[in-house]
Amino acid sequence: MDRKREIAEGLLSIQAVFLRPEEPFTWASGIKSPIYCDNRLTLTAPEVRTKVEEGLKAAIEENYPDAEVLMGTSTAGIAHAAITGHLMGLPMGYVRGSAKDHGRTNQIEGKLEKGQKVVVVEDLISTAGSAIDTVNVLREAGAEVLGIVSIFTYGMKKGLDRMAEAHVKNVSLCDLDALVQVAAETEYIKKEDAAKILKFRDNPSDESWMH
């Protein structure tokens, strides 16, 4: 079984991903979405968690073999960076959303030397904002960011464009196309709903997919 399919089955089996085109979720941005993703649930499902962390390890070894440090995004990427770092025998740290207002006012937690080769660990890529903010903080600190690994990506145009603009590569274990295919095959969703979900992904602000 290929990795994307295996991760898709795992995420669906523990309801880390909800597909609900008939009753859309409302995101913080106000966008109506047929999908909601909570990869934090992988942490409480050991079998799926193992597949995810081993998948992240393999993705880093295949795509970023020179990685010296893993840096998680705050907060969802921290645990995955820690577990994957443990599996690989690599140091890890994380990047806060903003600098602390006390103590040493760190934004980067963990030891990072200038010039070190870093891979950012993220749980979910949608519009890629938090991942790129993390990359920029690390670059400003003098790190060489090799790229990002993530558990899941929607493959939204805005996210893809932002990453291209920031000259950063992302490798995801699973994407929306693979997930929708598995969901349709296993009758988690109706076949006709698959097209609706992909139409949403192609233009989230266009609500015509709901009709």
Foldseek 3Di string as FASTA:
>chain_A
DALQLVLLVVCVVQVQKAAALQQFDQDPVRFTARMDGHCVSLVVVVVSVVSQLVLLLVCCCVQPVQAAEEEEFPPQGVVSRVSNCVVVVHHYWYAAPAFDPDDPRDRIGDDDDAAHEYEYEYAEFELCVRVLVRVVVCVVRRYHYQAYEYAEYAPAPNNVVVCVVSVHDYHYSYYLLSNLVSCCVVVVDPPLLSVLNNVCRHPRRDPPSSD
